[in-house]
Amino acid sequence: MSKRDELITLYAKELKEKCNVTADMNLLTKVTIGCGPSIYNRDSATVSCTNQDELDTVKNNYLIKKLGLKNGPELDKAIAKVCEKLGSSNKNKYRAIFYYLLCKEFGKESVYK
């Protein structure tokens, strides 16, 4: 099993255990691939919900550029909702899981078809 496959399996397990979400494995795989090499770097593989610069990057680079959403307060609300869903005590808010949940939140799965 490749390192990426191992990570996808880990992400699916985390979604089930921490968020009570059964992952759409096809979508999770595509979101993970879309994250590129960031998933292999310890710092960039996770999202810090306490770092506003990082949350702004998620909003601008993922929600607006990748998913094609318009900037507005609903984007910040969705990011806050995902932070809450993943839990404040959870140190490993994996970027691929974060993006997967945002993609599902906005019903933008078609971006990955």
PDB file of N, CA and C in Angstrom:
ATOM      1  N   MET A   1       0.848  -1.185   0.000  1.00  0.00           N
ATOM      2  CA  MET A   1       0.000   0.000   0.000  1.00  0.00           C
ATOM      3  C   MET A   1       0.892   1.246   0.000  1.00  0.00           C
ATOM      4  N   SER A   2       0.555   2.213  -0.852  1.00  0.00           N
ATOM      5  CA  SER A   2       1.357   3.431  -0.938  1.00  0.00           C
ATOM      6  C   SER A   2       1.098   4.323   0.276  1.00  0.00           C
ATOM      7  N   LYS A   3       1.981   5.268   0.478  1.00  0.00           N
ATOM      8  CA  LYS A   3       1.831   6.212   1.591  1.00  0.00           C
ATOM      9  C   LYS A   3       0.507   6.978   1.454  1.00  0.00           C
ATOM     10  N   ARG A   4       0.176   7.381   0.210  1.00  0.00           N
ATOM     11  CA  ARG A   4      -1.076   8.108  -0.004  1.00  0.00           C
ATOM     12  C   ARG A   4      -2.269   7.229   0.357  1.00  0.00           C
ATOM     13  N   ASP A   5      -2.257   5.968  -0.049  1.00  0.00           N
ATOM     14  CA  ASP A   5      -3.346   5.048   0.288  1.00  0.00           C
ATOM     15  C   ASP A   5      -3.477   4.874   1.804  1.00  0.00           C
ATOM     16  N   GLU A   6      -2.338   4.808   2.487  1.00  0.00           N
ATOM     17  CA  GLU A   6      -2.356   4.697   3.948  1.00  0.00           C
ATOM     18  C   GLU A   6      -3.010   5.929   4.571  1.00  0.00           C
ATOM     19  N   LEU A   7      -2.667   7.110   4.037  1.00  0.00           N
ATOM     20  CA  LEU A   7      -3.248   8.343   4.563  1.00  0.00           C
ATOM     21  C   LEU A   7      -4.753   8.408   4.300  1.00  0.00           C
ATOM     22  N   ILE A   8      -5.179   7.996   3.120  1.00  0.00           N
ATOM     23  CA  ILE A   8      -6.609   7.999   2.790  1.00  0.00           C
ATOM     24  C   ILE A   8      -7.372   7.082   3.744  1.00  0.00           C
ATOM     25  N   THR A   9      -6.799   5.927   4.045  1.00  0.00           N
ATOM     26  CA  THR A   9      -7.398   4.998   5.003  1.00  0.00           C
ATOM     27  C   THR A   9      -7.482   5.638   6.386  1.00  0.00           C
ATOM     28  N   LEU A  10      -6.410   6.322   6.790  1.00  0.00           N
ATOM     29  CA  LEU A  10      -6.400   7.036   8.072  1.00  0.00           C
ATOM     30  C   LEU A  10      -7.477   8.121   8.093  1.00  0.00           C
ATOM     31  N   TYR A  11      -7.595   8.893   7.014  1.00  0.00           N
ATOM     32  CA  TYR A  11      -8.585   9.963   6.948  1.00  0.00           C
ATOM     33  C   TYR A  11     -10.005   9.403   7.061  1.00  0.00           C
ATOM     34  N   ALA A  12     -10.272   8.309   6.375  1.00  0.00           N
ATOM     35  CA  ALA A  12     -11.606   7.689   6.436  1.00  0.00           C
ATOM     36  C   ALA A  12     -11.903   7.236   7.864  1.00  0.00           C
ATOM     37  N   LYS A  13     -10.913   6.665   8.529  1.00  0.00           N
ATOM     38  CA  LYS A  13     -11.077   6.209   9.916  1.00  0.00           C
ATOM     39  C   LYS A  13     -11.344   7.401  10.837  1.00  0.00           C
ATOM     40  N   GLU A  14     -10.586   8.484  10.659  1.00  0.00           N
ATOM     41  CA  GLU A  14     -10.769   9.692  11.471  1.00  0.00           C
ATOM     42  C   GLU A  14     -12.160  10.292  11.263  1.00  0.00           C
ATOM     43  N   LEU A  15     -12.611  10.328  10.012  1.00  0.00           N
ATOM     44  CA  LEU A  15     -13.953  10.850   9.725  1.00  0.00           C
ATOM     45  C   LEU A  15     -15.011  10.047  10.470  1.00  0.00           C
ATOM     46  N   LYS A  16     -14.862   8.730  10.471  1.00  0.00           N
ATOM     47  CA  LYS A  16     -15.833   7.848  11.130  1.00  0.00           C
ATOM     48  C   LYS A  16     -15.787   8.021  12.647  1.00  0.00           C
ATOM     49  N   GLU A  17     -14.567   7.995  13.206  1.00  0.00           N
ATOM     50  CA  GLU A  17     -14.421   8.018  14.661  1.00  0.00           C
ATOM     51  C   GLU A  17     -14.670   9.389  15.275  1.00  0.00           C
ATOM     52  N   LYS A  18     -14.194  10.445  14.628  1.00  0.00           N
ATOM     53  CA  LYS A  18     -14.264  11.772  15.236  1.00  0.00           C
ATOM     54  C   LYS A  18     -15.476  12.582  14.787  1.00  0.00           C
ATOM     55  N   CYS A  19     -15.985  12.281  13.587  1.00  0.00           N
ATOM     56  CA  CYS A  19     -17.088  13.090  13.052  1.00  0.00           C
ATOM     57  C   CYS A  19     -18.347  12.275  12.805  1.00  0.00           C
ATOM     58  N   ASN A  20     -18.262  10.955  13.018  1.00  0.00           N
ATOM     59  CA  ASN A  20     -19.384  10.060  12.742  1.00  0.00           C
ATOM     60  C   ASN A  20     -19.865  10.195  11.292  1.00  0.00           C
ATOM     61  N   VAL A  21     -18.888  10.312  10.386  1.00  0.00           N
ATOM     62  CA  VAL A  21     -19.162  10.457   8.961  1.00  0.00           C
ATOM     63  C   VAL A  21     -18.557   9.274   8.223  1.00  0.00           C
ATOM     64  N   THR A  22     -19.382   8.592   7.439  1.00  0.00           N
ATOM     65  CA  THR A  22     -18.866   7.529   6.582  1.00  0.00           C
ATOM     66  C   THR A  22     -18.426   8.187   5.278  1.00  0.00           C
ATOM     67  N   ALA A  23     -17.149   8.081   5.001  1.00  0.00           N
ATOM     68  CA  ALA A  23     -16.561   8.787   3.860  1.00  0.00           C
ATOM     69  C   ALA A  23     -17.001   8.198   2.520  1.00  0.00           C
ATOM     70  N   ASP A  24     -17.230   9.077   1.573  1.00  0.00           N
ATOM     71  CA  ASP A  24     -17.357   8.702   0.171  1.00  0.00           C
ATOM     72  C   ASP A  24     -15.908   8.531  -0.283  1.00  0.00           C
ATOM     73  N   MET A  25     -15.455   7.292  -0.379  1.00  0.00           N
ATOM     74  CA  MET A  25     -14.039   7.016  -0.619  1.00  0.00           C
ATOM     75  C   MET A  25     -13.539   7.590  -1.939  1.00  0.00           C
ATOM     76  N   ASN A  26     -14.392   7.610  -2.946  1.00  0.00           N
ATOM     77  CA  ASN A  26     -13.999   8.179  -4.228  1.00  0.00           C
ATOM     78  C   ASN A  26     -13.711   9.674  -4.078  1.00  0.00           C
ATOM     79  N   LEU A  27     -14.612  10.386  -3.421  1.00  0.00           N
ATOM     80  CA  LEU A  27     -14.424  11.818  -3.208  1.00  0.00           C
ATOM     81  C   LEU A  27     -13.240  12.079  -2.289  1.00  0.00           C
ATOM     82  N   LEU A  28     -13.130  11.328  -1.202  1.00  0.00           N
ATOM     83  CA  LEU A  28     -12.016  11.513  -0.267  1.00  0.00           C
ATOM     84  C   LEU A  28     -10.686  11.310  -0.981  1.00  0.00           C
ATOM     85  N   THR A  29     -10.607  10.315  -1.847  1.00  0.00           N
ATOM     86  CA  THR A  29      -9.386  10.061  -2.603  1.00  0.00           C
ATOM     87  C   THR A  29      -9.058  11.248  -3.506  1.00  0.00           C
ATOM     88  N   LYS A  30     -10.062  11.767  -4.204  1.00  0.00           N
ATOM     89  CA  LYS A  30      -9.834  12.898  -5.115  1.00  0.00           C
ATOM     90  C   LYS A  30      -9.455  14.165  -4.359  1.00  0.00           C
ATOM     91  N   VAL A  31     -10.086  14.413  -3.220  1.00  0.00           N
ATOM     92  CA  VAL A  31      -9.732  15.579  -2.408  1.00  0.00           C
ATOM     93  C   VAL A  31      -8.292  15.435  -1.910  1.00  0.00           C
ATOM     94  N   THR A  32      -7.929  14.245  -1.463  1.00  0.00           N
ATOM     95  CA  THR A  32      -6.580  14.001  -0.963  1.00  0.00           C
ATOM     96  C   THR A  32      -5.553  14.220  -2.069  1.00  0.00           C
ATOM     97  N   ILE A  33      -5.810  13.692  -3.247  1.00  0.00           N
ATOM     98  CA  ILE A  33      -4.904  13.892  -4.379  1.00  0.00           C
ATOM     99  C   ILE A  33      -4.801  15.387  -4.695  1.00  0.00           C
ATOM    100  N   GLY A  34      -5.916  16.094  -4.607  1.00  0.00           N
ATOM    101  CA  GLY A  34      -5.930  17.531  -4.868  1.00  0.00           C
ATOM    102  C   GLY A  34      -5.102  18.343  -3.887  1.00  0.00           C
ATOM    103  N   CYS A  35      -4.867  17.799  -2.712  1.00  0.00           N
ATOM    104  CA  CYS A  35      -4.031  18.492  -1.721  1.00  0.00           C
ATOM    105  C   CYS A  35      -2.555  18.459  -2.113  1.00  0.00           C
ATOM    106  N   GLY A  36      -2.218  17.564  -3.021  1.00  0.00           N
ATOM    107  CA  GLY A  36      -0.840  17.473  -3.494  1.00  0.00           C
ATOM    108  C   GLY A  36       0.118  17.033  -2.411  1.00  0.00           C
ATOM    109  N   PRO A  37       1.363  17.486  -2.524  1.00  0.00           N
ATOM    110  CA  PRO A  37       2.395  17.033  -1.582  1.00  0.00           C
ATOM    111  C   PRO A  37       2.225  17.561  -0.163  1.00  0.00           C
ATOM    112  N   SER A  38       1.292  18.486   0.049  1.00  0.00           N
ATOM    113  CA  SER A  38       1.111  19.038   1.400  1.00  0.00           C
ATOM    114  C   SER A  38       0.739  17.961   2.416  1.00  0.00           C
ATOM    115  N   ILE A  39       0.116  16.869   1.960  1.00  0.00           N
ATOM    116  CA  ILE A  39      -0.316  15.825   2.906  1.00  0.00           C
ATOM    117  C   ILE A  39       0.861  15.063   3.514  1.00  0.00           C
ATOM    118  N   TYR A  40       2.047  15.188   2.903  1.00  0.00           N
ATOM    119  CA  TYR A  40       3.217  14.464   3.402  1.00  0.00           C
ATOM    120  C   TYR A  40       4.070  15.300   4.344  1.00  0.00           C
ATOM    121  N   ASN A  41       3.787  16.599   4.433  1.00  0.00           N
ATOM    122  CA  ASN A  41       4.553  17.491   5.293  1.00  0.00           C
ATOM    123  C   ASN A  41       3.790  17.671   6.595  1.00  0.00           C
ATOM    124  N   ARG A  42       4.443  17.427   7.692  1.00  0.00           N
ATOM    125  CA  ARG A  42       3.774  17.436   8.991  1.00  0.00           C
ATOM    126  C   ARG A  42       3.033  18.751   9.266  1.00  0.00           C
ATOM    127  N   ASP A  43       3.632  19.878   8.920  1.00  0.00           N
ATOM    128  CA  ASP A  43       3.007  21.168   9.193  1.00  0.00           C
ATOM    129  C   ASP A  43       1.850  21.455   8.242  1.00  0.00           C
ATOM    130  N   SER A  44       2.055  21.248   6.957  1.00  0.00           N
ATOM    131  CA  SER A  44       1.017  21.590   5.975  1.00  0.00           C
ATOM    132  C   SER A  44      -0.084  20.535   5.873  1.00  0.00           C
ATOM    133  N   ALA A  45       0.116  19.371   6.463  1.00  0.00           N
ATOM    134  CA  ALA A  45      -0.879  18.299   6.395  1.00  0.00           C
ATOM    135  C   ALA A  45      -2.083  18.577   7.285  1.00  0.00           C
ATOM    136  N   THR A  46      -1.931  19.524   8.207  1.00  0.00           N
ATOM    137  CA  THR A  46      -3.021  19.839   9.132  1.00  0.00           C
ATOM    138  C   THR A  46      -3.418  21.313   9.017  1.00  0.00           C
ATOM    139  N   VAL A  47      -4.597  21.614   9.508  1.00  0.00           N
ATOM    140  CA  VAL A  47      -5.110  22.985   9.528  1.00  0.00           C
ATOM    141  C   VAL A  47      -5.257  23.394  10.988  1.00  0.00           C
ATOM    142  N   SER A  48      -4.737  24.570  11.301  1.00  0.00           N
ATOM    143  CA  SER A  48      -4.865  25.106  12.654  1.00  0.00           C
ATOM    144  C   SER A  48      -6.041  26.064  12.699  1.00  0.00           C
ATOM    145  N   CYS A  49      -7.040  25.712  13.494  1.00  0.00           N
ATOM    146  CA  CYS A  49      -8.231  26.559  13.598  1.00  0.00           C
ATOM    147  C   CYS A  49      -7.984  27.805  14.445  1.00  0.00           C
ATOM    148  N   THR A  50      -6.819  27.894  15.079  1.00  0.00           N
ATOM    149  CA  THR A  50      -6.491  29.071  15.880  1.00  0.00           C
ATOM    150  C   THR A  50      -5.602  30.048  15.120  1.00  0.00           C
ATOM    151  N   ASN A  51      -5.221  29.700  13.897  1.00  0.00           N
ATOM    152  CA  ASN A  51      -4.348  30.555  13.087  1.00  0.00           C
ATOM    153  C   ASN A  51      -5.186  31.205  11.979  1.00  0.00           C
ATOM    154  N   GLN A  52      -5.514  32.482  12.159  1.00  0.00           N
ATOM    155  CA  GLN A  52      -6.392  33.167  11.209  1.00  0.00           C
ATOM    156  C   GLN A  52      -5.791  33.227   9.805  1.00  0.00           C
ATOM    157  N   ASP A  53      -4.471  33.393   9.700  1.00  0.00           N
ATOM    158  CA  ASP A  53      -3.834  33.414   8.374  1.00  0.00           C
ATOM    159  C   ASP A  53      -4.079  32.097   7.642  1.00  0.00           C
ATOM    160  N   GLU A  54      -3.986  31.000   8.375  1.00  0.00           N
ATOM    161  CA  GLU A  54      -4.207  29.692   7.771  1.00  0.00           C
ATOM    162  C   GLU A  54      -5.662  29.511   7.344  1.00  0.00           C
ATOM    163  N   LEU A  55      -6.585  29.978   8.174  1.00  0.00           N
ATOM    164  CA  LEU A  55      -7.998  29.881   7.834  1.00  0.00           C
ATOM    165  C   LEU A  55      -8.333  30.759   6.624  1.00  0.00           C
ATOM    166  N   ASP A  56      -7.670  31.911   6.522  1.00  0.00           N
ATOM    167  CA  ASP A  56      -7.849  32.780   5.351  1.00  0.00           C
ATOM    168  C   ASP A  56      -7.337  32.094   4.090  1.00  0.00           C
ATOM    169  N   THR A  57      -6.241  31.359   4.227  1.00  0.00           N
ATOM    170  CA  THR A  57      -5.693  30.617   3.088  1.00  0.00           C
ATOM    171  C   THR A  57      -6.659  29.526   2.649  1.00  0.00           C
ATOM    172  N   VAL A  58      -7.256  28.820   3.609  1.00  0.00           N
ATOM    173  CA  VAL A  58      -8.256  27.797   3.282  1.00  0.00           C
ATOM    174  C   VAL A  58      -9.411  28.457   2.521  1.00  0.00           C
ATOM    175  N   LYS A  59      -9.863  29.587   3.025  1.00  0.00           N
ATOM    176  CA  LYS A  59     -10.991  30.280   2.394  1.00  0.00           C
ATOM    177  C   LYS A  59     -10.630  30.734   0.978  1.00  0.00           C
ATOM    178  N   ASN A  60      -9.485  31.409   0.832  1.00  0.00           N
ATOM    179  CA  ASN A  60      -9.118  31.973  -0.469  1.00  0.00           C
ATOM    180  C   ASN A  60      -8.679  30.922  -1.482  1.00  0.00           C
ATOM    181  N   ASN A  61      -7.806  30.025  -1.059  1.00  0.00           N
ATOM    182  CA  ASN A  61      -7.234  29.062  -2.014  1.00  0.00           C
ATOM    183  C   ASN A  61      -8.132  27.865  -2.275  1.00  0.00           C
ATOM    184  N   TYR A  62      -8.892  27.455  -1.283  1.00  0.00           N
ATOM    185  CA  TYR A  62      -9.741  26.272  -1.481  1.00  0.00           C
ATOM    186  C   TYR A  62     -11.185  26.653  -1.818  1.00  0.00           C
ATOM    187  N   LEU A  63     -11.833  27.370  -0.916  1.00  0.00           N
ATOM    188  CA  LEU A  63     -13.256  27.655  -1.117  1.00  0.00           C
ATOM    189  C   LEU A  63     -13.510  28.569  -2.320  1.00  0.00           C
ATOM    190  N   ILE A  64     -12.709  29.609  -2.450  1.00  0.00           N
ATOM    191  CA  ILE A  64     -12.948  30.573  -3.525  1.00  0.00           C
ATOM    192  C   ILE A  64     -12.312  30.113  -4.844  1.00  0.00           C
ATOM    193  N   LYS A  65     -11.009  29.791  -4.803  1.00  0.00           N
ATOM    194  CA  LYS A  65     -10.327  29.422  -6.054  1.00  0.00           C
ATOM    195  C   LYS A  65     -10.685  28.023  -6.543  1.00  0.00           C
ATOM    196  N   LYS A  66     -10.615  27.029  -5.668  1.00  0.00           N
ATOM    197  CA  LYS A  66     -10.842  25.648  -6.086  1.00  0.00           C
ATOM    198  C   LYS A  66     -12.331  25.339  -6.268  1.00  0.00           C
ATOM    199  N   LEU A  67     -13.140  25.669  -5.276  1.00  0.00           N
ATOM    200  CA  LEU A  67     -14.562  25.332  -5.349  1.00  0.00           C
ATOM    201  C   LEU A  67     -15.396  26.385  -6.083  1.00  0.00           C
ATOM    202  N   GLY A  68     -14.801  27.564  -6.325  1.00  0.00           N
ATOM    203  CA  GLY A  68     -15.496  28.589  -7.096  1.00  0.00           C
ATOM    204  C   GLY A  68     -16.601  29.313  -6.342  1.00  0.00           C
ATOM    205  N   LEU A  69     -16.489  29.373  -5.029  1.00  0.00           N
ATOM    206  CA  LEU A  69     -17.516  30.040  -4.224  1.00  0.00           C
ATOM    207  C   LEU A  69     -17.236  31.540  -4.133  1.00  0.00           C
ATOM    208  N   LYS A  70     -18.281  32.305  -3.914  1.00  0.00           N
ATOM    209  CA  LYS A  70     -18.150  33.756  -3.732  1.00  0.00           C
ATOM    210  C   LYS A  70     -17.813  34.047  -2.273  1.00  0.00           C
ATOM    211  N   ASN A  71     -16.920  35.026  -2.070  1.00  0.00           N
ATOM    212  CA  ASN A  71     -16.535  35.404  -0.719  1.00  0.00           C
ATOM    213  C   ASN A  71     -17.745  35.987   0.015  1.00  0.00           C
ATOM    214  N   GLY A  72     -17.887  35.575   1.249  1.00  0.00           N
ATOM    215  CA  GLY A  72     -18.992  36.068   2.066  1.00  0.00           C
ATOM    216  C   GLY A  72     -18.939  35.436   3.434  1.00  0.00           C
ATOM    217  N   PRO A  73     -19.791  35.896   4.335  1.00  0.00           N
ATOM    218  CA  PRO A  73     -19.768  35.387   5.713  1.00  0.00           C
ATOM    219  C   PRO A  73     -20.080  33.889   5.816  1.00  0.00           C
ATOM    220  N   GLU A  74     -20.796  33.340   4.827  1.00  0.00           N
ATOM    221  CA  GLU A  74     -21.117  31.905   4.884  1.00  0.00           C
ATOM    222  C   GLU A  74     -19.861  31.042   4.766  1.00  0.00           C
ATOM    223  N   LEU A  75     -18.811  31.557   4.137  1.00  0.00           N
ATOM    224  CA  LEU A  75     -17.559  30.797   4.044  1.00  0.00           C
ATOM    225  C   LEU A  75     -16.904  30.690   5.414  1.00  0.00           C
ATOM    226  N   ASP A  76     -16.855  31.812   6.133  1.00  0.00           N
ATOM    227  CA  ASP A  76     -16.281  31.798   7.485  1.00  0.00           C
ATOM    228  C   ASP A  76     -17.109  30.923   8.425  1.00  0.00           C
ATOM    229  N   LYS A  77     -18.421  30.960   8.266  1.00  0.00           N
ATOM    230  CA  LYS A  77     -19.295  30.124   9.101  1.00  0.00           C
ATOM    231  C   LYS A  77     -19.039  28.647   8.843  1.00  0.00           C
ATOM    232  N   ALA A  78     -18.859  28.281   7.577  1.00  0.00           N
ATOM    233  CA  ALA A  78     -18.598  26.875   7.231  1.00  0.00           C
ATOM    234  C   ALA A  78     -17.249  26.416   7.783  1.00  0.00           C
ATOM    235  N   ILE A  79     -16.242  27.275   7.701  1.00  0.00           N
ATOM    236  CA  ILE A  79     -14.925  26.934   8.255  1.00  0.00           C
ATOM    237  C   ILE A  79     -15.042  26.733   9.763  1.00  0.00           C
ATOM    238  N   ALA A  80     -15.753  27.634  10.445  1.00  0.00           N
ATOM    239  CA  ALA A  80     -15.947  27.504  11.894  1.00  0.00           C
ATOM    240  C   ALA A  80     -16.705  26.216  12.233  1.00  0.00           C
ATOM    241  N   LYS A  81     -17.676  25.865  11.401  1.00  0.00           N
ATOM    242  CA  LYS A  81     -18.462  24.643  11.615  1.00  0.00           C
ATOM    243  C   LYS A  81     -17.566  23.406  11.506  1.00  0.00           C
ATOM    244  N   VAL A  82     -16.673  23.398  10.522  1.00  0.00           N
ATOM    245  CA  VAL A  82     -15.759  22.264  10.359  1.00  0.00           C
ATOM    246  C   VAL A  82     -14.778  22.207  11.533  1.00  0.00           C
ATOM    247  N   CYS A  83     -14.273  23.360  11.962  1.00  0.00           N
ATOM    248  CA  CYS A  83     -13.379  23.389  13.132  1.00  0.00           C
ATOM    249  C   CYS A  83     -14.077  22.780  14.350  1.00  0.00           C
ATOM    250  N   GLU A  84     -15.334  23.157  14.531  1.00  0.00           N
ATOM    251  CA  GLU A  84     -16.107  22.643  15.665  1.00  0.00           C
ATOM    252  C   GLU A  84     -16.346  21.145  15.523  1.00  0.00           C
ATOM    253  N   LYS A  85     -16.683  20.717  14.315  1.00  0.00           N
ATOM    254  CA  LYS A  85     -16.966  19.299  14.078  1.00  0.00           C
ATOM    255  C   LYS A  85     -15.735  18.436  14.352  1.00  0.00           C
ATOM    256  N   LEU A  86     -14.551  18.946  13.983  1.00  0.00           N
ATOM    257  CA  LEU A  86     -13.318  18.193  14.200  1.00  0.00           C
ATOM    258  C   LEU A  86     -12.860  18.260  15.655  1.00  0.00           C
ATOM    259  N   GLY A  87     -13.363  19.232  16.406  1.00  0.00           N
ATOM    260  CA  GLY A  87     -13.087  19.308  17.839  1.00  0.00           C
ATOM    261  C   GLY A  87     -11.879  20.147  18.194  1.00  0.00           C
ATOM    262  N   SER A  88     -12.031  20.991  19.203  1.00  0.00           N
ATOM    263  CA  SER A  88     -10.938  21.875  19.605  1.00  0.00           C
ATOM    264  C   SER A  88      -9.776  21.115  20.231  1.00  0.00           C
ATOM    265  N   SER A  89     -10.049  19.967  20.834  1.00  0.00           N
ATOM    266  CA  SER A  89      -8.966  19.193  21.446  1.00  0.00           C
ATOM    267  C   SER A  89      -8.235  18.311  20.432  1.00  0.00           C
ATOM    268  N   ASN A  90      -8.766  18.230  19.227  1.00  0.00           N
ATOM    269  CA  ASN A  90      -8.149  17.411  18.179  1.00  0.00           C
ATOM    270  C   ASN A  90      -6.998  18.184  17.551  1.00  0.00           C
ATOM    271  N   LYS A  91      -5.785  17.756  17.806  1.00  0.00           N
ATOM    272  CA  LYS A  91      -4.602  18.438  17.267  1.00  0.00           C
ATOM    273  C   LYS A  91      -4.401  18.123  15.786  1.00  0.00           C
ATOM    274  N   ASN A  92      -4.921  16.994  15.324  1.00  0.00           N
ATOM    275  CA  ASN A  92      -4.711  16.578  13.942  1.00  0.00           C
ATOM    276  C   ASN A  92      -5.947  16.836  13.085  1.00  0.00           C
ATOM    277  N   LYS A  93      -6.140  18.088  12.737  1.00  0.00           N
ATOM    278  CA  LYS A  93      -7.216  18.446  11.814  1.00  0.00           C
ATOM    279  C   LYS A  93      -6.618  18.354  10.414  1.00  0.00           C
ATOM    280  N   TYR A  94      -6.629  17.137   9.893  1.00  0.00           N
ATOM    281  CA  TYR A  94      -5.977  16.891   8.606  1.00  0.00           C
ATOM    282  C   TYR A  94      -6.611  17.717   7.493  1.00  0.00           C
ATOM    283  N   ARG A  95      -5.747  18.330   6.680  1.00  0.00           N
ATOM    284  CA  ARG A  95      -6.185  19.203   5.593  1.00  0.00           C
ATOM    285  C   ARG A  95      -7.156  18.485   4.651  1.00  0.00           C
ATOM    286  N   ALA A  96      -6.857  17.249   4.289  1.00  0.00           N
ATOM    287  CA  ALA A  96      -7.723  16.514   3.367  1.00  0.00           C
ATOM    288  C   ALA A  96      -9.118  16.312   3.967  1.00  0.00           C
ATOM    289  N   ILE A  97      -9.194  16.023   5.254  1.00  0.00           N
ATOM    290  CA  ILE A  97     -10.487  15.862   5.926  1.00  0.00           C
ATOM    291  C   ILE A  97     -11.206  17.211   5.979  1.00  0.00           C
ATOM    292  N   PHE A  98     -10.470  18.250   6.310  1.00  0.00           N
ATOM    293  CA  PHE A  98     -11.020  19.598   6.392  1.00  0.00           C
ATOM    294  C   PHE A  98     -11.647  19.979   5.052  1.00  0.00           C
ATOM    295  N   TYR A  99     -10.894  19.772   3.968  1.00  0.00           N
ATOM    296  CA  TYR A  99     -11.377  20.108   2.628  1.00  0.00           C
ATOM    297  C   TYR A  99     -12.551  19.213   2.227  1.00  0.00           C
ATOM    298  N   TYR A 100     -12.479  17.950   2.574  1.00  0.00           N
ATOM    299  CA  TYR A 100     -13.574  17.015   2.271  1.00  0.00           C
ATOM    300  C   TYR A 100     -14.876  17.507   2.919  1.00  0.00           C
ATOM    301  N   LEU A 101     -14.805  17.860   4.198  1.00  0.00           N
ATOM    302  CA  LEU A 101     -16.000  18.318   4.911  1.00  0.00           C
ATOM    303  C   LEU A 101     -16.531  19.628   4.327  1.00  0.00           C
ATOM    304  N   LEU A 102     -15.637  20.530   3.941  1.00  0.00           N
ATOM    305  CA  LEU A 102     -16.075  21.782   3.311  1.00  0.00           C
ATOM    306  C   LEU A 102     -16.721  21.518   1.957  1.00  0.00           C
ATOM    307  N   CYS A 103     -16.142  20.619   1.196  1.00  0.00           N
ATOM    308  CA  CYS A 103     -16.690  20.255  -0.112  1.00  0.00           C
ATOM    309  C   CYS A 103     -18.113  19.716   0.058  1.00  0.00           C
ATOM    310  N   LYS A 104     -18.309  18.824   1.020  1.00  0.00           N
ATOM    311  CA  LYS A 104     -19.630  18.257   1.288  1.00  0.00           C
ATOM    312  C   LYS A 104     -20.591  19.338   1.806  1.00  0.00           C
ATOM    313  N   GLU A 105     -20.086  20.213   2.654  1.00  0.00           N
ATOM    314  CA  GLU A 105     -20.905  21.283   3.235  1.00  0.00           C
ATOM    315  C   GLU A 105     -21.549  22.147   2.147  1.00  0.00           C
ATOM    316  N   PHE A 106     -20.774  22.436   1.104  1.00  0.00           N
ATOM    317  CA  PHE A 106     -21.272  23.298   0.032  1.00  0.00           C
ATOM    318  C   PHE A 106     -21.822  22.517  -1.162  1.00  0.00           C
ATOM    319  N   GLY A 107     -21.830  21.180  -1.066  1.00  0.00           N
ATOM    320  CA  GLY A 107     -22.360  20.378  -2.166  1.00  0.00           C
ATOM    321  C   GLY A 107     -21.587  20.545  -3.465  1.00  0.00           C
ATOM    322  N   LYS A 108     -20.261  20.671  -3.333  1.00  0.00           N
ATOM    323  CA  LYS A 108     -19.425  20.932  -4.499  1.00  0.00           C
ATOM    324  C   LYS A 108     -18.649  19.686  -4.967  1.00  0.00           C
ATOM    325  N   GLU A 109     -19.220  18.524  -4.731  1.00  0.00           N
ATOM    326  CA  GLU A 109     -18.553  17.284  -5.135  1.00  0.00           C
ATOM    327  C   GLU A 109     -18.277  17.256  -6.638  1.00  0.00           C
ATOM    328  N   SER A 110     -19.092  17.962  -7.407  1.00  0.00           N
ATOM    329  CA  SER A 110     -18.932  17.966  -8.881  1.00  0.00           C
ATOM    330  C   SER A 110     -17.588  18.543  -9.318  1.00  0.00           C
ATOM    331  N   VAL A 111     -16.949  19.334  -8.472  1.00  0.00           N
ATOM    332  CA  VAL A 111     -15.623  19.887  -8.786  1.00  0.00           C
ATOM    333  C   VAL A 111     -14.618  18.747  -8.985  1.00  0.00           C
ATOM    334  N   TYR A 112     -14.835  17.634  -8.322  1.00  0.00           N
ATOM    335  CA  TYR A 112     -13.901  16.499  -8.361  1.00  0.00           C
ATOM    336  C   TYR A 112     -14.305  15.403  -9.314  1.00  0.00           C
ATOM    337  N   LYS A 113     -15.290  15.613 -10.164  1.00  0.00           N
ATOM    338  CA  LYS A 113     -15.734  14.570 -11.111  1.00  0.00           C
ATOM    339  C   LYS A 113     -14.774  14.454 -12.276  1.00  0.00           C
TER     340      LYS A 113
END
